[in-house]
N, C-alpha and C. Protein backbone atom coordinates (compact mmCIF):
# COMPACT_ATOMS: atom_id res chain seq x y z
N MET A 1 13.84 22.19 1.53
CA MET A 1 12.76 22.02 0.58
C MET A 1 11.70 21.09 1.17
N GLU A 2 10.46 21.53 1.17
CA GLU A 2 9.37 20.72 1.69
C GLU A 2 8.86 19.79 0.60
N THR A 3 8.64 18.54 0.97
CA THR A 3 8.13 17.60 -0.02
C THR A 3 6.61 17.55 0.05
N ALA A 4 6.02 17.14 -1.05
CA ALA A 4 4.56 17.04 -1.13
C ALA A 4 4.06 15.97 -0.17
N PRO A 5 2.87 16.16 0.38
CA PRO A 5 2.29 15.10 1.21
C PRO A 5 2.13 13.83 0.38
N THR A 6 2.09 12.70 1.07
CA THR A 6 2.10 11.41 0.39
C THR A 6 0.91 10.55 0.80
N TYR A 7 0.36 9.88 -0.20
CA TYR A 7 -0.64 8.84 0.03
C TYR A 7 0.10 7.50 -0.06
N LEU A 8 0.09 6.74 1.03
CA LEU A 8 0.75 5.45 1.09
C LEU A 8 -0.29 4.36 0.81
N VAL A 9 -0.08 3.59 -0.25
CA VAL A 9 -1.01 2.55 -0.65
C VAL A 9 -0.34 1.19 -0.48
N VAL A 10 -1.01 0.30 0.22
CA VAL A 10 -0.49 -1.05 0.41
C VAL A 10 -0.94 -1.89 -0.79
N ILE A 11 0.04 -2.46 -1.48
CA ILE A 11 -0.20 -3.23 -2.70
C ILE A 11 0.09 -4.70 -2.46
N ASP A 12 -0.84 -5.52 -2.93
CA ASP A 12 -0.61 -6.97 -2.95
C ASP A 12 -1.20 -7.50 -4.26
N ASP A 13 -1.47 -8.77 -4.34
CA ASP A 13 -2.00 -9.34 -5.58
C ASP A 13 -3.51 -9.18 -5.73
N SER A 14 -4.14 -8.51 -4.80
CA SER A 14 -5.61 -8.42 -4.83
C SER A 14 -6.12 -7.30 -5.72
N GLU A 15 -7.32 -7.50 -6.22
CA GLU A 15 -7.98 -6.48 -7.04
C GLU A 15 -8.27 -5.23 -6.20
N GLU A 16 -8.63 -5.43 -4.93
CA GLU A 16 -8.95 -4.27 -4.10
C GLU A 16 -7.74 -3.36 -3.87
N SER A 17 -6.54 -3.91 -3.87
CA SER A 17 -5.37 -3.04 -3.72
C SER A 17 -5.17 -2.19 -4.97
N ARG A 18 -5.54 -2.71 -6.13
CA ARG A 18 -5.46 -1.92 -7.36
C ARG A 18 -6.51 -0.82 -7.38
N VAL A 19 -7.70 -1.10 -6.84
CA VAL A 19 -8.74 -0.07 -6.74
C VAL A 19 -8.27 1.03 -5.78
N ALA A 20 -7.67 0.65 -4.67
CA ALA A 20 -7.14 1.62 -3.71
C ALA A 20 -6.04 2.46 -4.36
N MET A 21 -5.18 1.82 -5.14
CA MET A 21 -4.10 2.55 -5.83
C MET A 21 -4.69 3.57 -6.80
N ARG A 22 -5.68 3.16 -7.56
CA ARG A 22 -6.31 4.08 -8.52
C ARG A 22 -6.91 5.28 -7.79
N PHE A 23 -7.62 5.01 -6.69
CA PHE A 23 -8.20 6.10 -5.91
C PHE A 23 -7.11 7.06 -5.43
N ALA A 24 -6.04 6.51 -4.86
CA ALA A 24 -4.97 7.35 -4.32
C ALA A 24 -4.32 8.19 -5.41
N VAL A 25 -4.10 7.60 -6.57
CA VAL A 25 -3.47 8.33 -7.68
C VAL A 25 -4.37 9.49 -8.14
N LEU A 26 -5.66 9.21 -8.30
CA LEU A 26 -6.58 10.26 -8.73
C LEU A 26 -6.71 11.35 -7.66
N ARG A 27 -6.80 10.94 -6.41
CA ARG A 27 -6.92 11.92 -5.31
C ARG A 27 -5.65 12.75 -5.20
N ALA A 28 -4.51 12.13 -5.27
CA ALA A 28 -3.23 12.85 -5.16
C ALA A 28 -3.10 13.88 -6.26
N ALA A 29 -3.56 13.55 -7.46
CA ALA A 29 -3.49 14.50 -8.57
C ALA A 29 -4.34 15.74 -8.30
N HIS A 30 -5.46 15.55 -7.60
CA HIS A 30 -6.35 16.68 -7.29
C HIS A 30 -5.79 17.60 -6.20
N VAL A 31 -4.99 17.06 -5.30
CA VAL A 31 -4.52 17.85 -4.16
C VAL A 31 -3.01 18.12 -4.18
N GLY A 32 -2.35 17.73 -5.25
CA GLY A 32 -0.91 17.99 -5.34
C GLY A 32 -0.07 17.14 -4.42
N ALA A 33 -0.49 15.91 -4.21
CA ALA A 33 0.25 15.00 -3.33
C ALA A 33 1.00 13.96 -4.16
N ARG A 34 1.84 13.22 -3.49
CA ARG A 34 2.57 12.11 -4.11
C ARG A 34 1.92 10.81 -3.68
N VAL A 35 2.30 9.73 -4.36
CA VAL A 35 1.83 8.40 -4.01
C VAL A 35 3.04 7.50 -3.82
N THR A 36 2.99 6.70 -2.78
CA THR A 36 4.00 5.66 -2.57
C THR A 36 3.27 4.33 -2.49
N LEU A 37 3.73 3.38 -3.27
CA LEU A 37 3.18 2.02 -3.24
C LEU A 37 4.08 1.16 -2.39
N ALA A 38 3.49 0.46 -1.41
CA ALA A 38 4.27 -0.38 -0.51
C ALA A 38 3.77 -1.81 -0.55
N HIS A 39 4.70 -2.72 -0.53
CA HIS A 39 4.38 -4.14 -0.42
C HIS A 39 5.14 -4.67 0.79
N VAL A 40 4.48 -5.52 1.57
CA VAL A 40 5.12 -6.04 2.78
C VAL A 40 5.43 -7.51 2.60
N LEU A 41 6.68 -7.86 2.84
CA LEU A 41 7.11 -9.26 2.86
C LEU A 41 7.03 -9.75 4.30
N ALA A 42 6.13 -10.68 4.54
CA ALA A 42 6.00 -11.24 5.88
C ALA A 42 7.25 -12.04 6.22
N PRO A 43 7.58 -12.14 7.50
CA PRO A 43 8.77 -12.90 7.88
C PRO A 43 8.67 -14.35 7.43
N ALA A 44 9.78 -14.85 6.94
CA ALA A 44 9.83 -16.26 6.51
C ALA A 44 9.99 -17.15 7.73
N GLU A 45 9.42 -18.32 7.62
CA GLU A 45 9.63 -19.28 8.70
C GLU A 45 11.08 -19.74 8.68
N PHE A 46 11.62 -19.98 9.86
CA PHE A 46 13.01 -20.42 9.95
C PHE A 46 13.15 -21.79 9.29
N MET A 47 14.19 -21.90 8.48
CA MET A 47 14.49 -23.18 7.85
C MET A 47 15.89 -23.61 8.28
N GLN A 48 16.06 -24.89 8.41
CA GLN A 48 17.34 -25.42 8.85
C GLN A 48 18.45 -25.11 7.85
N TRP A 49 18.11 -25.08 6.57
CA TRP A 49 19.11 -24.88 5.55
C TRP A 49 19.12 -23.41 5.14
N GLY A 50 20.10 -22.67 5.64
CA GLY A 50 20.19 -21.23 5.41
C GLY A 50 20.23 -20.83 3.95
N GLY A 51 20.91 -21.61 3.13
CA GLY A 51 21.00 -21.29 1.71
C GLY A 51 19.65 -21.33 1.02
N VAL A 52 18.82 -22.29 1.40
CA VAL A 52 17.48 -22.40 0.82
C VAL A 52 16.64 -21.21 1.27
N GLN A 53 16.77 -20.88 2.55
CA GLN A 53 16.00 -19.74 3.08
C GLN A 53 16.42 -18.44 2.39
N GLN A 54 17.69 -18.25 2.18
CA GLN A 54 18.17 -17.04 1.50
C GLN A 54 17.65 -16.97 0.07
N ALA A 55 17.63 -18.10 -0.61
CA ALA A 55 17.11 -18.14 -1.98
C ALA A 55 15.62 -17.81 -2.00
N MET A 56 14.89 -18.32 -1.03
CA MET A 56 13.45 -18.03 -0.96
C MET A 56 13.21 -16.55 -0.67
N LEU A 57 14.01 -15.97 0.20
CA LEU A 57 13.88 -14.53 0.50
C LEU A 57 14.21 -13.68 -0.72
N ALA A 58 15.24 -14.06 -1.44
CA ALA A 58 15.61 -13.32 -2.64
C ALA A 58 14.51 -13.42 -3.70
N GLU A 59 13.91 -14.58 -3.83
CA GLU A 59 12.81 -14.76 -4.79
C GLU A 59 11.60 -13.92 -4.39
N ALA A 60 11.27 -13.91 -3.11
CA ALA A 60 10.14 -13.11 -2.62
C ALA A 60 10.39 -11.63 -2.85
N GLN A 61 11.62 -11.19 -2.62
CA GLN A 61 11.99 -9.79 -2.85
C GLN A 61 11.83 -9.44 -4.33
N ALA A 62 12.31 -10.31 -5.20
CA ALA A 62 12.20 -10.07 -6.65
C ALA A 62 10.74 -10.03 -7.10
N GLU A 63 9.92 -10.91 -6.56
CA GLU A 63 8.50 -10.92 -6.91
C GLU A 63 7.82 -9.63 -6.42
N ALA A 64 8.16 -9.19 -5.22
CA ALA A 64 7.59 -7.95 -4.68
C ALA A 64 7.98 -6.76 -5.54
N GLU A 65 9.25 -6.70 -5.92
CA GLU A 65 9.72 -5.59 -6.75
C GLU A 65 9.04 -5.61 -8.12
N ALA A 66 8.85 -6.80 -8.70
CA ALA A 66 8.18 -6.90 -10.00
C ALA A 66 6.72 -6.44 -9.89
N LEU A 67 6.05 -6.83 -8.83
CA LEU A 67 4.67 -6.39 -8.60
C LEU A 67 4.61 -4.87 -8.50
N LEU A 68 5.52 -4.29 -7.75
CA LEU A 68 5.52 -2.83 -7.58
C LEU A 68 5.85 -2.10 -8.87
N VAL A 69 6.76 -2.64 -9.68
CA VAL A 69 7.08 -2.03 -10.97
C VAL A 69 5.84 -2.03 -11.86
N LYS A 70 5.14 -3.15 -11.89
CA LYS A 70 3.93 -3.27 -12.70
C LYS A 70 2.85 -2.28 -12.23
N GLU A 71 2.63 -2.21 -10.93
CA GLU A 71 1.59 -1.32 -10.40
C GLU A 71 2.00 0.15 -10.50
N ALA A 72 3.29 0.44 -10.38
CA ALA A 72 3.76 1.82 -10.55
C ALA A 72 3.55 2.28 -11.99
N ALA A 73 3.76 1.39 -12.95
CA ALA A 73 3.51 1.73 -14.36
C ALA A 73 2.02 2.00 -14.58
N ALA A 74 1.16 1.18 -13.96
CA ALA A 74 -0.29 1.40 -14.08
C ALA A 74 -0.68 2.73 -13.44
N ALA A 75 -0.09 3.04 -12.29
CA ALA A 75 -0.38 4.31 -11.61
C ALA A 75 0.07 5.49 -12.46
N GLU A 76 1.23 5.37 -13.07
CA GLU A 76 1.74 6.44 -13.93
C GLU A 76 0.82 6.65 -15.14
N ALA A 77 0.29 5.57 -15.68
CA ALA A 77 -0.63 5.68 -16.81
C ALA A 77 -1.91 6.40 -16.41
N ILE A 78 -2.33 6.24 -15.17
CA ILE A 78 -3.55 6.89 -14.68
C ILE A 78 -3.31 8.36 -14.37
N GLY A 79 -2.24 8.64 -13.62
CA GLY A 79 -2.03 9.99 -13.11
C GLY A 79 -0.92 10.80 -13.75
N GLY A 80 -0.12 10.16 -14.60
CA GLY A 80 0.95 10.89 -15.26
C GLY A 80 2.22 11.06 -14.44
N VAL A 81 2.22 10.57 -13.21
CA VAL A 81 3.39 10.68 -12.33
C VAL A 81 3.72 9.28 -11.80
N ARG A 82 4.98 8.92 -11.89
CA ARG A 82 5.39 7.60 -11.39
C ARG A 82 5.48 7.66 -9.87
N PRO A 83 4.78 6.78 -9.16
CA PRO A 83 4.86 6.79 -7.70
C PRO A 83 6.17 6.18 -7.21
N ASP A 84 6.51 6.51 -5.99
CA ASP A 84 7.62 5.85 -5.33
C ASP A 84 7.16 4.45 -4.94
N THR A 85 8.10 3.56 -4.75
CA THR A 85 7.77 2.20 -4.32
C THR A 85 8.70 1.79 -3.18
N LEU A 86 8.21 0.90 -2.35
CA LEU A 86 9.07 0.37 -1.29
C LEU A 86 8.59 -1.00 -0.88
N VAL A 87 9.55 -1.81 -0.47
CA VAL A 87 9.27 -3.14 0.06
C VAL A 87 9.62 -3.09 1.53
N LEU A 88 8.63 -3.39 2.35
CA LEU A 88 8.83 -3.45 3.80
C LEU A 88 8.92 -4.92 4.19
N ARG A 89 9.56 -5.18 5.30
CA ARG A 89 9.68 -6.54 5.80
C ARG A 89 9.14 -6.60 7.22
N GLY A 90 8.45 -7.69 7.50
CA GLY A 90 7.94 -7.89 8.85
C GLY A 90 6.48 -8.28 8.82
N THR A 91 5.89 -8.34 10.00
CA THR A 91 4.47 -8.58 10.11
C THR A 91 3.78 -7.40 9.43
N PRO A 92 2.92 -7.64 8.44
CA PRO A 92 2.41 -6.54 7.63
C PRO A 92 1.88 -5.34 8.40
N ALA A 93 0.96 -5.53 9.30
CA ALA A 93 0.38 -4.39 10.00
C ALA A 93 1.43 -3.62 10.80
N LEU A 94 2.30 -4.32 11.49
CA LEU A 94 3.32 -3.65 12.31
C LEU A 94 4.36 -2.95 11.45
N ALA A 95 4.73 -3.56 10.32
CA ALA A 95 5.71 -2.93 9.43
C ALA A 95 5.15 -1.62 8.86
N ILE A 96 3.89 -1.64 8.48
CA ILE A 96 3.26 -0.43 7.94
C ILE A 96 3.12 0.62 9.04
N LEU A 97 2.68 0.22 10.22
CA LEU A 97 2.55 1.16 11.34
C LEU A 97 3.88 1.83 11.64
N GLU A 98 4.93 1.06 11.72
CA GLU A 98 6.26 1.60 11.99
C GLU A 98 6.69 2.59 10.90
N TYR A 99 6.44 2.22 9.66
CA TYR A 99 6.82 3.10 8.55
C TYR A 99 6.04 4.42 8.61
N VAL A 100 4.74 4.34 8.82
CA VAL A 100 3.91 5.55 8.87
C VAL A 100 4.34 6.45 10.02
N LYS A 101 4.60 5.88 11.16
CA LYS A 101 5.01 6.68 12.32
C LYS A 101 6.35 7.36 12.08
N GLY A 102 7.20 6.77 11.25
CA GLY A 102 8.52 7.33 10.99
C GLY A 102 8.58 8.31 9.82
N HIS A 103 7.46 8.52 9.14
CA HIS A 103 7.45 9.39 7.96
C HIS A 103 6.30 10.39 8.07
N THR A 104 6.62 11.55 8.56
CA THR A 104 5.60 12.56 8.85
C THR A 104 4.94 13.15 7.62
N GLY A 105 5.49 12.94 6.44
CA GLY A 105 4.89 13.46 5.22
C GLY A 105 3.71 12.65 4.72
N ILE A 106 3.43 11.52 5.37
CA ILE A 106 2.31 10.70 4.91
C ILE A 106 1.01 11.34 5.34
N ARG A 107 0.21 11.69 4.35
CA ARG A 107 -1.09 12.31 4.60
C ARG A 107 -2.15 11.25 4.90
N ALA A 108 -2.08 10.13 4.19
CA ALA A 108 -3.10 9.09 4.36
C ALA A 108 -2.53 7.72 4.05
N LEU A 109 -3.01 6.75 4.80
CA LEU A 109 -2.76 5.34 4.52
C LEU A 109 -3.99 4.86 3.77
N VAL A 110 -3.82 4.39 2.54
CA VAL A 110 -4.93 4.00 1.69
C VAL A 110 -4.95 2.48 1.57
N LEU A 111 -6.07 1.89 2.01
CA LEU A 111 -6.23 0.45 2.00
C LEU A 111 -7.46 0.07 1.19
N GLY A 112 -7.37 -1.02 0.47
CA GLY A 112 -8.50 -1.53 -0.29
C GLY A 112 -9.24 -2.59 0.49
N ALA A 113 -10.57 -2.45 0.57
CA ALA A 113 -11.40 -3.44 1.26
C ALA A 113 -11.93 -4.44 0.25
N ALA A 114 -11.94 -5.69 0.63
CA ALA A 114 -12.48 -6.73 -0.24
C ALA A 114 -13.94 -6.42 -0.55
N SER A 115 -14.35 -6.70 -1.77
CA SER A 115 -15.73 -6.40 -2.16
C SER A 115 -16.73 -7.38 -1.55
N ARG A 116 -16.24 -8.49 -1.05
CA ARG A 116 -17.10 -9.47 -0.37
C ARG A 116 -16.38 -10.00 0.86
N GLY A 117 -17.15 -10.31 1.86
CA GLY A 117 -16.60 -10.91 3.07
C GLY A 117 -15.94 -9.88 3.97
N ALA A 118 -15.08 -10.36 4.83
CA ALA A 118 -14.39 -9.49 5.79
C ALA A 118 -13.49 -8.51 5.04
N PRO A 119 -13.32 -7.31 5.60
CA PRO A 119 -12.54 -6.29 4.89
C PRO A 119 -11.05 -6.60 4.80
N GLY A 120 -10.53 -7.42 5.66
CA GLY A 120 -9.12 -7.80 5.63
C GLY A 120 -8.41 -7.44 6.92
N PRO A 121 -7.29 -8.12 7.19
CA PRO A 121 -6.60 -7.93 8.47
C PRO A 121 -6.00 -6.53 8.64
N LEU A 122 -5.51 -5.91 7.57
CA LEU A 122 -4.93 -4.56 7.71
C LEU A 122 -6.01 -3.55 8.08
N ILE A 123 -7.16 -3.64 7.45
CA ILE A 123 -8.24 -2.71 7.77
C ILE A 123 -8.69 -2.93 9.21
N SER A 124 -8.84 -4.16 9.62
CA SER A 124 -9.22 -4.44 11.01
C SER A 124 -8.19 -3.86 11.98
N PHE A 125 -6.94 -4.02 11.67
CA PHE A 125 -5.86 -3.53 12.53
C PHE A 125 -5.88 -2.00 12.62
N PHE A 126 -5.94 -1.33 11.46
CA PHE A 126 -5.81 0.13 11.46
C PHE A 126 -7.09 0.89 11.79
N THR A 127 -8.23 0.23 11.73
CA THR A 127 -9.47 0.90 12.10
C THR A 127 -9.98 0.44 13.46
N GLY A 128 -9.27 -0.46 14.08
CA GLY A 128 -9.62 -0.96 15.41
C GLY A 128 -8.89 -0.16 16.48
N GLU A 129 -8.28 -0.88 17.38
CA GLU A 129 -7.61 -0.26 18.53
C GLU A 129 -6.49 0.70 18.14
N ARG A 130 -5.85 0.47 17.01
CA ARG A 130 -4.71 1.29 16.60
C ARG A 130 -5.12 2.61 15.92
N ALA A 131 -6.39 2.76 15.58
CA ALA A 131 -6.84 3.93 14.82
C ALA A 131 -6.39 5.25 15.45
N GLY A 132 -6.45 5.35 16.74
CA GLY A 132 -6.08 6.59 17.41
C GLY A 132 -4.59 6.82 17.55
N GLN A 133 -3.78 5.86 17.18
CA GLN A 133 -2.33 5.97 17.31
C GLN A 133 -1.65 6.45 16.04
N LEU A 134 -2.39 6.54 14.96
CA LEU A 134 -1.78 6.90 13.68
C LEU A 134 -1.63 8.41 13.53
N PRO A 135 -0.54 8.85 12.92
CA PRO A 135 -0.34 10.28 12.67
C PRO A 135 -0.93 10.73 11.33
N CYS A 136 -1.79 9.91 10.74
CA CYS A 136 -2.38 10.24 9.45
C CYS A 136 -3.79 9.66 9.37
N VAL A 137 -4.47 10.02 8.32
CA VAL A 137 -5.81 9.51 8.06
C VAL A 137 -5.71 8.11 7.45
N VAL A 138 -6.68 7.26 7.74
CA VAL A 138 -6.79 5.97 7.08
C VAL A 138 -7.96 6.06 6.12
N MET A 139 -7.71 5.78 4.86
CA MET A 139 -8.77 5.77 3.85
C MET A 139 -9.01 4.33 3.44
N VAL A 140 -10.25 3.88 3.59
CA VAL A 140 -10.62 2.54 3.20
C VAL A 140 -11.44 2.65 1.92
N VAL A 141 -10.91 2.09 0.86
CA VAL A 141 -11.55 2.17 -0.45
C VAL A 141 -12.24 0.84 -0.75
N PRO A 142 -13.56 0.87 -0.95
CA PRO A 142 -14.26 -0.38 -1.27
C PRO A 142 -13.75 -0.98 -2.58
N GLY A 143 -13.39 -2.23 -2.54
CA GLY A 143 -12.83 -2.89 -3.70
C GLY A 143 -13.79 -3.06 -4.86
N GLY A 144 -15.09 -2.90 -4.62
CA GLY A 144 -16.07 -3.07 -5.67
C GLY A 144 -16.39 -1.80 -6.45
N LEU A 145 -15.72 -0.69 -6.16
CA LEU A 145 -15.99 0.55 -6.88
C LEU A 145 -15.50 0.47 -8.31
N ASP A 146 -16.31 0.91 -9.25
CA ASP A 146 -15.87 0.93 -10.66
C ASP A 146 -15.12 2.23 -10.94
N ALA A 147 -14.48 2.28 -12.09
CA ALA A 147 -13.62 3.42 -12.45
C ALA A 147 -14.39 4.74 -12.45
N GLU A 148 -15.61 4.74 -12.96
CA GLU A 148 -16.40 5.96 -13.01
C GLU A 148 -16.72 6.49 -11.61
N ARG A 149 -17.10 5.60 -10.73
CA ARG A 149 -17.41 6.02 -9.36
C ARG A 149 -16.16 6.50 -8.63
N LEU A 150 -15.05 5.83 -8.84
CA LEU A 150 -13.79 6.28 -8.26
C LEU A 150 -13.48 7.70 -8.69
N GLU A 151 -13.62 7.94 -9.97
CA GLU A 151 -13.34 9.27 -10.52
C GLU A 151 -14.20 10.33 -9.84
N SER A 152 -15.47 10.03 -9.62
CA SER A 152 -16.37 11.01 -9.02
C SER A 152 -16.06 11.22 -7.54
N LEU A 153 -15.49 10.25 -6.87
CA LEU A 153 -15.18 10.37 -5.44
C LEU A 153 -13.88 11.11 -5.16
N THR A 154 -13.02 11.20 -6.16
CA THR A 154 -11.73 11.84 -5.91
C THR A 154 -11.82 13.32 -6.15
């Protein structure tokens, strides 16, 4: 059985990631694709006390999962389909690159650009030297787009 192509959206606490999620959900609905929301937990600094470090990692994991549950519910309210979610671990850009390269069903990596200032480290990474190494399209969604404009672009 062939699975539907997937739009992979990187989710964090930023408003631009929510705009990117909304775009991906609306676009996926138009083309019969799925959406996966991903959050990356950066590596924790080594701590001398292993128990404290384990507790911090568990708390970060729980916070990431709670964020994804909240955003998946918002995505379902927009598009009527609950997206898949995943928590990746590692340096954010490298963890996402590794995941995308290992999952051929990903049609596009969807990233939200900050509405002011620099677009962000993930956009710089994936639209710079690495752009030609990806097996999918990179979609950069401006974080300042309003709901009406998003709707017209999808």
